[in-house]
PDB file of N, CA and C in Angstrom:
ATOM      1  N   MET A   1    -118.299-128.596  11.291  1.00  0.00           N
ATOM      2  CA  MET A   1    -118.854-127.289  11.593  1.00  0.00           C
ATOM      3  C   MET A   1    -117.771-126.443  12.258  1.00  0.00           C
ATOM      4  N   ARG A   2    -117.638-125.212  11.823  1.00  0.00           N
ATOM      5  CA  ARG A   2    -116.624-124.303  12.374  1.00  0.00           C
ATOM      6  C   ARG A   2    -117.001-123.907  13.807  1.00  0.00           C
ATOM      7  N   ILE A   3    -116.004-123.475  14.546  1.00  0.00           N
ATOM      8  CA  ILE A   3    -116.205-123.134  15.963  1.00  0.00           C
ATOM      9  C   ILE A   3    -117.244-122.030  16.117  1.00  0.00           C
ATOM     10  N   ARG A   4    -117.175-120.997  15.291  1.00  0.00           N
ATOM     11  CA  ARG A   4    -118.130-119.887  15.396  1.00  0.00           C
ATOM     12  C   ARG A   4    -119.569-120.399  15.279  1.00  0.00           C
ATOM     13  N   GLU A   5    -119.820-121.253  14.309  1.00  0.00           N
ATOM     14  CA  GLU A   5    -121.166-121.788  14.121  1.00  0.00           C
ATOM     15  C   GLU A   5    -121.593-122.662  15.298  1.00  0.00           C
ATOM     16  N   GLN A   6    -120.672-123.399  15.872  1.00  0.00           N
ATOM     17  CA  GLN A   6    -120.988-124.215  17.046  1.00  0.00           C
ATOM     18  C   GLN A   6    -121.361-123.334  18.233  1.00  0.00           C
ATOM     19  N   ILE A   7    -120.621-122.232  18.415  1.00  0.00           N
ATOM     20  CA  ILE A   7    -120.929-121.295  19.504  1.00  0.00           C
ATOM     21  C   ILE A   7    -122.330-120.726  19.311  1.00  0.00           C
ATOM     22  N   ILE A   8    -122.621-120.263  18.098  1.00  0.00           N
ATOM     23  CA  ILE A   8    -123.946-119.698  17.801  1.00  0.00           C
ATOM     24  C   ILE A   8    -125.041-120.713  18.108  1.00  0.00           C
ATOM     25  N   PHE A   9    -124.884-121.936  17.642  1.00  0.00           N
ATOM     26  CA  PHE A   9    -125.882-122.972  17.867  1.00  0.00           C
ATOM     27  C   PHE A   9    -126.122-123.192  19.359  1.00  0.00           C
ATOM     28  N   LYS A  10    -125.040-123.326  20.123  1.00  0.00           N
ATOM     29  CA  LYS A  10    -125.176-123.615  21.556  1.00  0.00           C
ATOM     30  C   LYS A  10    -125.812-122.450  22.314  1.00  0.00           C
ATOM     31  N   LEU A  11    -125.443-121.217  21.959  1.00  0.00           N
ATOM     32  CA  LEU A  11    -126.018-120.056  22.641  1.00  0.00           C
ATOM     33  C   LEU A  11    -127.483-119.865  22.281  1.00  0.00           C
ATOM     34  N   GLN A  12    -127.850-120.087  21.031  1.00  0.00           N
ATOM     35  CA  GLN A  12    -129.259-119.990  20.635  1.00  0.00           C
ATOM     36  C   GLN A  12    -130.094-121.049  21.339  1.00  0.00           C
ATOM     37  N   GLU A  13    -129.546-122.242  21.406  1.00  0.00           N
ATOM     38  CA  GLU A  13    -130.254-123.360  22.025  1.00  0.00           C
ATOM     39  C   GLU A  13    -130.535-123.111  23.505  1.00  0.00           C
ATOM     40  N   LYS A  14    -129.557-122.585  24.223  1.00  0.00           N
ATOM     41  CA  LYS A  14    -129.718-122.421  25.671  1.00  0.00           C
ATOM     42  C   LYS A  14    -130.447-121.134  26.053  1.00  0.00           C
ATOM     43  N   PHE A  15    -130.158-120.009  25.369  1.00  0.00           N
ATOM     44  CA  PHE A  15    -130.636-118.707  25.839  1.00  0.00           C
ATOM     45  C   PHE A  15    -131.756-118.099  25.002  1.00  0.00           C
ATOM     46  N   ASN A  16    -132.080-118.671  23.838  1.00  0.00           N
ATOM     47  CA  ASN A  16    -133.122-118.113  22.975  1.00  0.00           C
ATOM     48  C   ASN A  16    -132.988-116.581  22.902  1.00  0.00           C
ATOM     49  N   PRO A  17    -131.847-116.100  22.455  1.00  0.00           N
ATOM     50  CA  PRO A  17    -131.597-114.659  22.505  1.00  0.00           C
ATOM     51  C   PRO A  17    -132.419-113.868  21.491  1.00  0.00           C
ATOM     52  N   SER A  18    -132.741-112.632  21.855  1.00  0.00           N
ATOM     53  CA  SER A  18    -133.385-111.725  20.909  1.00  0.00           C
ATOM     54  C   SER A  18    -132.328-111.100  20.001  1.00  0.00           C
ATOM     55  N   PHE A  19    -131.083-111.116  20.443  1.00  0.00           N
ATOM     56  CA  PHE A  19    -129.960-110.630  19.637  1.00  0.00           C
ATOM     57  C   PHE A  19    -128.747-111.486  19.957  1.00  0.00           C
ATOM     58  N   LEU A  20    -128.016-111.870  18.921  1.00  0.00           N
ATOM     59  CA  LEU A  20    -126.782-112.633  19.105  1.00  0.00           C
ATOM     60  C   LEU A  20    -125.823-112.321  17.970  1.00  0.00           C
ATOM     61  N   ASP A  21    -124.616-111.945  18.332  1.00  0.00           N
ATOM     62  CA  ASP A  21    -123.558-111.722  17.361  1.00  0.00           C
ATOM     63  C   ASP A  21    -122.297-112.373  17.905  1.00  0.00           C
ATOM     64  N   VAL A  22    -121.712-113.263  17.129  1.00  0.00           N
ATOM     65  CA  VAL A  22    -120.465-113.918  17.508  1.00  0.00           C
ATOM     66  C   VAL A  22    -119.450-113.555  16.436  1.00  0.00           C
ATOM     67  N   GLU A  23    -118.465-112.762  16.841  1.00  0.00           N
ATOM     68  CA  GLU A  23    -117.475-112.251  15.903  1.00  0.00           C
ATOM     69  C   GLU A  23    -116.123-112.929  16.136  1.00  0.00           C
ATOM     70  N   ASP A  24    -115.562-113.472  15.078  1.00  0.00           N
ATOM     71  CA  ASP A  24    -114.218-114.041  15.138  1.00  0.00           C
ATOM     72  C   ASP A  24    -113.235-112.881  15.005  1.00  0.00           C
ATOM     73  N   GLN A  25    -112.566-112.531  16.088  1.00  0.00           N
ATOM     74  CA  GLN A  25    -111.625-111.416  16.106  1.00  0.00           C
ATOM     75  C   GLN A  25    -110.173-111.891  16.067  1.00  0.00           C
ATOM     76  N   SER A  26    -109.969-113.098  15.630  1.00  0.00           N
ATOM     77  CA  SER A  26    -108.637-113.702  15.641  1.00  0.00           C
ATOM     78  C   SER A  26    -107.614-112.866  14.879  1.00  0.00           C
ATOM     79  N   GLU A  27    -107.995-112.356  13.732  1.00  0.00           N
ATOM     80  CA  GLU A  27    -107.041-111.605  12.913  1.00  0.00           C
ATOM     81  C   GLU A  27    -106.537-110.358  13.634  1.00  0.00           C
ATOM     82  N   MET A  28    -107.352-109.787  14.508  1.00  0.00           N
ATOM     83  CA  MET A  28    -106.942-108.614  15.289  1.00  0.00           C
ATOM     84  C   MET A  28    -105.824-108.958  16.270  1.00  0.00           C
ATOM     85  N   HIS A  29    -105.615-110.236  16.521  1.00  0.00           N
ATOM     86  CA  HIS A  29    -104.632-110.686  17.506  1.00  0.00           C
ATOM     87  C   HIS A  29    -103.436-111.377  16.849  1.00  0.00           C
ATOM     88  N   ARG A  30    -103.267-111.152  15.568  1.00  0.00           N
ATOM     89  CA  ARG A  30    -102.154-111.749  14.819  1.00  0.00           C
ATOM     90  C   ARG A  30    -100.830-111.489  15.546  1.00  0.00           C
ATOM     91  N   GLY A  31    -100.094-112.567  15.775  1.00  0.00           N
ATOM     92  CA  GLY A  31     -98.796-112.457  16.433  1.00  0.00           C
ATOM     93  C   GLY A  31     -98.848-112.479  17.950  1.00  0.00           C
ATOM     94  N   HIS A  32    -100.036-112.395  18.522  1.00  0.00           N
ATOM     95  CA  HIS A  32    -100.168-112.421  19.982  1.00  0.00           C
ATOM     96  C   HIS A  32    -100.268-113.866  20.464  1.00  0.00           C
ATOM     97  N   SER A  33    -100.131-114.023  21.743  1.00  0.00           N
ATOM     98  CA  SER A  33    -100.243-115.345  22.362  1.00  0.00           C
ATOM     99  C   SER A  33    -101.590-115.975  22.019  1.00  0.00           C
ATOM    100  N   GLY A  34    -101.551-117.241  21.655  1.00  0.00           N
ATOM    101  CA  GLY A  34    -102.776-117.980  21.379  1.00  0.00           C
ATOM    102  C   GLY A  34    -103.320-117.802  19.979  1.00  0.00           C
ATOM    103  N   TRP A  35    -102.728-116.897  19.184  1.00  0.00           N
ATOM    104  CA  TRP A  35    -103.212-116.666  17.830  1.00  0.00           C
ATOM    105  C   TRP A  35    -102.980-117.907  16.988  1.00  0.00           C
ATOM    106  N   ASN A  36    -103.917-118.200  16.120  1.00  0.00           N
ATOM    107  CA  ASN A  36    -103.834-119.354  15.244  1.00  0.00           C
ATOM    108  C   ASN A  36    -103.996-118.864  13.812  1.00  0.00           C
ATOM    109  N   GLU A  37    -103.108-119.252  12.924  1.00  0.00           N
ATOM    110  CA  GLU A  37    -103.181-118.783  11.537  1.00  0.00           C
ATOM    111  C   GLU A  37    -104.460-119.217  10.832  1.00  0.00           C
ATOM    112  N   ASN A  38    -105.129-120.223  11.342  1.00  0.00           N
ATOM    113  CA  ASN A  38    -106.407-120.666  10.788  1.00  0.00           C
ATOM    114  C   ASN A  38    -107.592-119.888  11.336  1.00  0.00           C
ATOM    115  N   GLY A  39    -107.335-118.973  12.257  1.00  0.00           N
ATOM    116  CA  GLY A  39    -108.407-118.199  12.876  1.00  0.00           C
ATOM    117  C   GLY A  39    -109.087-118.992  13.979  1.00  0.00           C
ATOM    118  N   GLU A  40    -110.232-118.509  14.388  1.00  0.00           N
ATOM    119  CA  GLU A  40    -111.048-119.154  15.409  1.00  0.00           C
ATOM    120  C   GLU A  40    -110.325-119.347  16.738  1.00  0.00           C
ATOM    121  N   SER A  41    -109.527-118.357  17.115  1.00  0.00           N
ATOM    122  CA  SER A  41    -108.833-118.416  18.404  1.00  0.00           C
ATOM    123  C   SER A  41    -109.331-117.341  19.370  1.00  0.00           C
ATOM    124  N   HIS A  42    -109.901-116.253  18.851  1.00  0.00           N
ATOM    125  CA  HIS A  42    -110.383-115.126  19.660  1.00  0.00           C
ATOM    126  C   HIS A  42    -111.788-114.744  19.191  1.00  0.00           C
ATOM    127  N   PHE A  43    -112.734-114.726  20.122  1.00  0.00           N
ATOM    128  CA  PHE A  43    -114.120-114.415  19.774  1.00  0.00           C
ATOM    129  C   PHE A  43    -114.682-113.313  20.677  1.00  0.00           C
ATOM    130  N   HIS A  44    -115.590-112.535  20.103  1.00  0.00           N
ATOM    131  CA  HIS A  44    -116.342-111.544  20.874  1.00  0.00           C
ATOM    132  C   HIS A  44    -117.817-111.895  20.721  1.00  0.00           C
ATOM    133  N   ILE A  45    -118.486-112.071  21.859  1.00  0.00           N
ATOM    134  CA  ILE A  45    -119.899-112.451  21.876  1.00  0.00           C
ATOM    135  C   ILE A  45    -120.726-111.289  22.405  1.00  0.00           C
ATOM    136  N   ARG A  46    -121.757-110.911  21.634  1.00  0.00           N
ATOM    137  CA  ARG A  46    -122.761-109.939  22.089  1.00  0.00           C
ATOM    138  C   ARG A  46    -124.090-110.674  22.081  1.00  0.00           C
ATOM    139  N   ILE A  47    -124.760-110.649  23.236  1.00  0.00           N
ATOM    140  CA  ILE A  47    -126.001-111.408  23.371  1.00  0.00           C
ATOM    141  C   ILE A  47    -127.002-110.648  24.230  1.00  0.00           C
ATOM    142  N   SER A  48    -128.270-110.728  23.852  1.00  0.00           N
ATOM    143  CA  SER A  48    -129.378-110.177  24.641  1.00  0.00           C
ATOM    144  C   SER A  48    -130.382-111.295  24.879  1.00  0.00           C
ATOM    145  N   SER A  49    -130.718-111.502  26.146  1.00  0.00           N
ATOM    146  CA  SER A  49    -131.683-112.543  26.490  1.00  0.00           C
ATOM    147  C   SER A  49    -132.254-112.281  27.882  1.00  0.00           C
ATOM    148  N   SER A  50    -133.532-112.583  28.044  1.00  0.00           N
ATOM    149  CA  SER A  50    -134.158-112.450  29.365  1.00  0.00           C
ATOM    150  C   SER A  50    -133.608-113.491  30.342  1.00  0.00           C
ATOM    151  N   PHE A  51    -132.948-114.510  29.841  1.00  0.00           N
ATOM    152  CA  PHE A  51    -132.356-115.545  30.692  1.00  0.00           C
ATOM    153  C   PHE A  51    -131.436-114.925  31.746  1.00  0.00           C
ATOM    154  N   PHE A  52    -130.782-113.831  31.399  1.00  0.00           N
ATOM    155  CA  PHE A  52    -129.762-113.243  32.276  1.00  0.00           C
ATOM    156  C   PHE A  52    -130.323-112.283  33.324  1.00  0.00           C
ATOM    157  N   LEU A  53    -131.632-112.010  33.284  1.00  0.00           N
ATOM    158  CA  LEU A  53    -132.237-111.105  34.263  1.00  0.00           C
ATOM    159  C   LEU A  53    -131.976-111.585  35.687  1.00  0.00           C
ATOM    160  N   GLY A  54    -131.509-110.692  36.531  1.00  0.00           N
ATOM    161  CA  GLY A  54    -131.305-111.007  37.940  1.00  0.00           C
ATOM    162  C   GLY A  54    -130.014-111.751  38.253  1.00  0.00           C
ATOM    163  N   LEU A  55    -129.254-112.131  37.236  1.00  0.00           N
ATOM    164  CA  LEU A  55    -127.997-112.833  37.487  1.00  0.00           C
ATOM    165  C   LEU A  55    -126.849-111.835  37.591  1.00  0.00           C
ATOM    166  N   SER A  56    -125.907-112.119  38.465  1.00  0.00           N
ATOM    167  CA  SER A  56    -124.720-111.270  38.561  1.00  0.00           C
ATOM    168  C   SER A  56    -123.911-111.405  37.275  1.00  0.00           C
ATOM    169  N   ARG A  57    -123.036-110.472  37.037  1.00  0.00           N
ATOM    170  CA  ARG A  57    -122.197-110.520  35.836  1.00  0.00           C
ATOM    171  C   ARG A  57    -121.363-111.802  35.800  1.00  0.00           C
ATOM    172  N   ILE A  58    -120.839-112.194  36.934  1.00  0.00           N
ATOM    173  CA  ILE A  58    -120.040-113.424  37.009  1.00  0.00           C
ATOM    174  C   ILE A  58    -120.894-114.634  36.641  1.00  0.00           C
ATOM    175  N   LYS A  59    -122.105-114.710  37.176  1.00  0.00           N
ATOM    176  CA  LYS A  59    -123.002-115.830  36.878  1.00  0.00           C
ATOM    177  C   LYS A  59    -123.395-115.826  35.394  1.00  0.00           C
ATOM    178  N   GLN A  60    -123.625-114.643  34.833  1.00  0.00           N
ATOM    179  CA  GLN A  60    -123.949-114.543  33.411  1.00  0.00           C
ATOM    180  C   GLN A  60    -122.823-115.129  32.563  1.00  0.00           C
ATOM    181  N   HIS A  61    -121.597-114.737  32.870  1.00  0.00           N
ATOM    182  CA  HIS A  61    -120.444-115.217  32.105  1.00  0.00           C
ATOM    183  C   HIS A  61    -120.247-116.722  32.303  1.00  0.00           C
ATOM    184  N   ARG A  62    -120.464-117.210  33.500  1.00  0.00           N
ATOM    185  CA  ARG A  62    -120.371-118.661  33.742  1.00  0.00           C
ATOM    186  C   ARG A  62    -121.391-119.422  32.909  1.00  0.00           C
ATOM    187  N   GLU A  63    -122.591-118.882  32.818  1.00  0.00           N
ATOM    188  CA  GLU A  63    -123.632-119.523  32.018  1.00  0.00           C
ATOM    189  C   GLU A  63    -123.227-119.590  30.544  1.00  0.00           C
ATOM    190  N   ILE A  64    -122.616-118.519  30.038  1.00  0.00           N
ATOM    191  CA  ILE A  64    -122.132-118.513  28.650  1.00  0.00           C
ATOM    192  C   ILE A  64    -121.087-119.610  28.462  1.00  0.00           C
ATOM    193  N   TYR A  65    -120.091-119.650  29.339  1.00  0.00           N
ATOM    194  CA  TYR A  65    -119.035-120.662  29.232  1.00  0.00           C
ATOM    195  C   TYR A  65    -119.594-122.075  29.362  1.00  0.00           C
ATOM    196  N   ASN A  66    -120.526-122.280  30.267  1.00  0.00           N
ATOM    197  CA  ASN A  66    -121.137-123.606  30.411  1.00  0.00           C
ATOM    198  C   ASN A  66    -121.898-124.004  29.155  1.00  0.00           C
ATOM    199  N   ALA A  67    -122.571-123.051  28.531  1.00  0.00           N
ATOM    200  CA  ALA A  67    -123.327-123.344  27.316  1.00  0.00           C
ATOM    201  C   ALA A  67    -122.390-123.703  26.163  1.00  0.00           C
ATOM    202  N   ILE A  68    -121.269-123.001  26.084  1.00  0.00           N
ATOM    203  CA  ILE A  68    -120.320-123.259  24.995  1.00  0.00           C
ATOM    204  C   ILE A  68    -119.674-124.632  25.159  1.00  0.00           C
ATOM    205  N   THR A  69    -119.538-125.088  26.346  1.00  0.00           N
ATOM    206  CA  THR A  69    -118.974-126.388  26.728  1.00  0.00           C
ATOM    207  C   THR A  69    -117.447-126.377  26.776  1.00  0.00           C
ATOM    208  N   LYS A  70    -116.934-127.179  27.640  1.00  0.00           N
ATOM    209  CA  LYS A  70    -115.488-127.284  27.835  1.00  0.00           C
ATOM    210  C   LYS A  70    -114.784-127.741  26.551  1.00  0.00           C
ATOM    211  N   GLN A  71    -115.433-128.600  25.795  1.00  0.00           N
ATOM    212  CA  GLN A  71    -114.839-129.096  24.548  1.00  0.00           C
ATOM    213  C   GLN A  71    -114.493-127.940  23.605  1.00  0.00           C
ATOM    214  N   LEU A  72    -115.377-126.957  23.498  1.00  0.00           N
ATOM    215  CA  LEU A  72    -115.100-125.813  22.626  1.00  0.00           C
ATOM    216  C   LEU A  72    -114.169-124.800  23.282  1.00  0.00           C
ATOM    217  N   THR A  73    -114.370-124.517  24.553  1.00  0.00           N
ATOM    218  CA  THR A  73    -113.528-123.507  25.197  1.00  0.00           C
ATOM    219  C   THR A  73    -112.070-123.943  25.243  1.00  0.00           C
ATOM    220  N   ASN A  74    -111.802-125.231  25.209  1.00  0.00           N
ATOM    221  CA  ASN A  74    -110.417-125.699  25.164  1.00  0.00           C
ATOM    222  C   ASN A  74    -109.758-125.392  23.822  1.00  0.00           C
ATOM    223  N   LYS A  75    -110.541-125.152  22.780  1.00  0.00           N
ATOM    224  CA  LYS A  75    -110.008-124.844  21.454  1.00  0.00           C
ATOM    225  C   LYS A  75    -109.834-123.345  21.231  1.00  0.00           C
ATOM    226  N   ILE A  76    -110.389-122.535  22.131  1.00  0.00           N
ATOM    227  CA  ILE A  76    -110.414-121.077  21.981  1.00  0.00           C
ATOM    228  C   ILE A  76    -109.424-120.457  22.964  1.00  0.00           C
ATOM    229  N   HIS A  77    -108.659-119.472  22.485  1.00  0.00           N
ATOM    230  CA  HIS A  77    -107.712-118.801  23.366  1.00  0.00           C
ATOM    231  C   HIS A  77    -108.389-117.725  24.223  1.00  0.00           C
ATOM    232  N   ALA A  78    -109.300-116.941  23.620  1.00  0.00           N
ATOM    233  CA  ALA A  78    -109.923-115.839  24.367  1.00  0.00           C
ATOM    234  C   ALA A  78    -111.340-115.587  23.880  1.00  0.00           C
ATOM    235  N   ILE A  79    -112.202-115.253  24.848  1.00  0.00           N
ATOM    236  CA  ILE A  79    -113.578-114.882  24.569  1.00  0.00           C
ATOM    237  C   ILE A  79    -113.882-113.603  25.357  1.00  0.00           C
ATOM    238  N   SER A  80    -114.402-112.596  24.674  1.00  0.00           N
ATOM    239  CA  SER A  80    -114.923-111.422  25.380  1.00  0.00           C
ATOM    240  C   SER A  80    -116.436-111.435  25.210  1.00  0.00           C
ATOM    241  N   ILE A  81    -117.135-110.953  26.234  1.00  0.00           N
ATOM    242  CA  ILE A  81    -118.594-111.100  26.263  1.00  0.00           C
ATOM    243  C   ILE A  81    -119.263-109.774  26.646  1.00  0.00           C
ATOM    244  N   GLU A  82    -120.305-109.418  25.905  1.00  0.00           N
ATOM    245  CA  GLU A  82    -121.192-108.313  26.254  1.00  0.00           C
ATOM    246  C   GLU A  82    -122.589-108.904  26.385  1.00  0.00           C
ATOM    247  N   ILE A  83    -123.218-108.705  27.551  1.00  0.00           N
ATOM    248  CA  ILE A  83    -124.548-109.266  27.791  1.00  0.00           C
ATOM    249  C   ILE A  83    -125.532-108.141  28.092  1.00  0.00           C
ATOM    250  N   ASN A  84    -126.686-108.221  27.458  1.00  0.00           N
ATOM    251  CA  ASN A  84    -127.789-107.322  27.754  1.00  0.00           C
ATOM    252  C   ASN A  84    -128.944-108.182  28.232  1.00  0.00           C
ATOM    253  N   SER A  85    -129.315-108.029  29.497  1.00  0.00           N
ATOM    254  CA  SER A  85    -130.476-108.771  29.995  1.00  0.00           C
ATOM    255  C   SER A  85    -131.706-107.900  29.707  1.00  0.00           C
ATOM    256  N   GLU A  86    -132.739-108.529  29.222  1.00  0.00           N
ATOM    257  CA  GLU A  86    -133.942-107.795  28.809  1.00  0.00           C
ATOM    258  C   GLU A  86    -134.939-107.690  29.927  1.00  0.00           C
TER     259      GLU A  86
END
C-alpha cells in the first residue's frame, strides 16, 4: 500500500472526518531537500473533524502525527496540515 493510502486509512480510522484530502505534493519540491524521485516525500493534509474541537493547534497537529505513526513519518520529508474543527 502506498504511503498516501496508508495516511488516509489511519486518519479516517482515528478521526472519522467529514472531509479529508491527502495530496502528494512531492513533485512541487523537485530538487529540494528530501525530495524523492519516486514521490511520496511531501504531503498536504486537509481534514475536518469534531475530534479537534477545543484542542490547541499544537495538540491538533500532534494528534495527526500520532495517528500517522512514527513508522510512516520517518518515510516522509514534510507534511503540511490544515484542520477544520466542526
